[in-house]
Amino acid sequence: MAFEKRDMSGAIFKNDKGDNDRRPDMKGWLKLGGVEYEVAGWTKHSERAGKFLSLKIQEPREKVAETINDLNHEARENEKNEEMPF
């Protein structure tokens, strides 16, 4: 049986940071409402909370690029359809 990403679940895995300390310590996925998101995590430490995991959740890069292209196309179409004020 093949692995199935189920709704309301996710997973994160250790990330190879190479020589870039800004890269996340962990990367993975999260599926909510049938939509899959990318997850990035950084291990941090504070005096008050101790060690904790800071997360960033975003739409997959392909989806973001698609949305930007759609918005750009829509803006160009709106510019073409606007009437000149004089």
Protein backbone atom coordinates (compact mmCIF):
# COMPACT_ATOMS: atom_id res chain seq x y z
CA MET A 1 0.00 0.00 0.00
CA ALA A 2 1.38 3.42 -0.99
CA PHE A 3 1.87 6.20 1.53
CA GLU A 4 -1.11 8.56 1.65
CA LYS A 5 -0.95 12.09 3.03
CA ARG A 6 -4.09 12.36 5.12
CA ASP A 7 -6.02 15.50 5.92
CA MET A 8 -5.26 17.15 9.28
CA SER A 9 -1.80 15.58 9.42
CA GLY A 10 1.78 16.30 8.46
CA ALA A 11 5.41 15.42 9.00
CA ILE A 12 8.72 17.24 9.35
CA PHE A 13 12.18 15.84 8.76
CA LYS A 14 15.74 16.93 9.48
CA ASN A 15 16.99 19.27 6.76
CA ASP A 16 20.55 19.36 5.39
CA LYS A 17 21.49 22.98 6.04
CA GLY A 18 24.86 22.76 4.32
CA ASP A 19 26.89 25.86 5.13
CA ASN A 20 23.83 28.16 5.36
CA ASP A 21 22.72 28.77 8.97
CA ARG A 22 19.56 30.57 7.77
CA ARG A 23 18.11 27.41 6.26
CA PRO A 24 15.51 25.63 8.38
CA ASP A 25 16.61 22.81 10.68
CA MET A 26 13.58 20.80 9.54
CA LYS A 27 11.30 20.73 6.49
CA GLY A 28 8.12 18.87 5.69
CA TRP A 29 4.46 19.11 4.81
CA LEU A 30 1.04 19.69 6.39
CA LYS A 31 -2.35 18.89 4.87
CA LEU A 32 -5.38 20.90 6.03
CA GLY A 33 -8.78 21.03 4.37
CA GLY A 34 -7.43 19.04 1.44
CA VAL A 35 -4.71 21.65 0.79
CA GLU A 36 -1.06 20.68 1.19
CA TYR A 37 1.36 23.23 2.66
CA GLU A 38 5.15 23.38 3.04
CA VAL A 39 6.45 23.48 6.61
CA ALA A 40 9.85 24.76 7.73
CA GLY A 41 11.12 24.62 11.32
CA TRP A 42 13.98 26.22 13.21
CA THR A 43 15.21 24.99 16.60
CA LYS A 44 15.51 28.00 18.91
CA HIS A 45 16.20 28.70 22.56
CA SER A 46 15.00 31.38 24.95
CA GLU A 47 15.60 31.88 28.65
CA ARG A 48 11.88 31.91 29.37
CA ALA A 49 10.69 29.02 27.16
CA GLY A 50 13.87 26.97 26.87
CA LYS A 51 14.31 24.99 23.66
CA PHE A 52 11.43 25.27 21.15
CA LEU A 53 10.59 24.85 17.47
CA SER A 54 9.64 27.92 15.43
CA LEU A 55 7.52 27.08 12.35
CA LYS A 56 6.74 28.72 9.02
CA ILE A 57 3.85 27.35 6.97
CA GLN A 58 3.27 28.41 3.38
CA GLU A 59 1.63 27.27 0.16
CA PRO A 60 3.96 25.23 -2.06
CA ARG A 61 6.28 27.38 -4.19
CA GLU A 62 4.60 26.21 -7.42
CA LYS A 63 1.23 27.36 -6.10
CA VAL A 64 2.62 30.75 -5.04
CA ALA A 65 4.22 31.26 -8.47
CA GLU A 66 0.94 30.28 -10.13
CA THR A 67 -0.98 32.80 -8.00
CA ILE A 68 1.50 35.59 -8.81
CA ASN A 69 1.24 34.83 -12.54
CA ASP A 70 -2.58 34.87 -12.33
CA LEU A 71 -2.56 38.22 -10.50
CA ASN A 72 -0.14 39.73 -13.03
CA HIS A 73 -2.30 38.53 -15.93
CA GLU A 74 -5.43 39.92 -14.28
CA ALA A 75 -3.75 43.30 -13.72
CA ARG A 76 -2.67 43.48 -17.38
CA GLU A 77 -6.22 42.64 -18.51
CA ASN A 78 -7.67 45.31 -16.22
CA GLU A 79 -5.26 47.90 -17.67
CA LYS A 80 -6.35 47.00 -21.21
CA ASN A 81 -10.05 47.24 -20.32
CA GLU A 82 -9.91 50.56 -18.49
CA GLU A 83 -11.40 53.45 -20.40
CA MET A 84 -9.34 56.60 -20.89
CA PRO A 85 -10.73 59.45 -18.80
CA PHE A 86 -10.56 61.93 -21.71
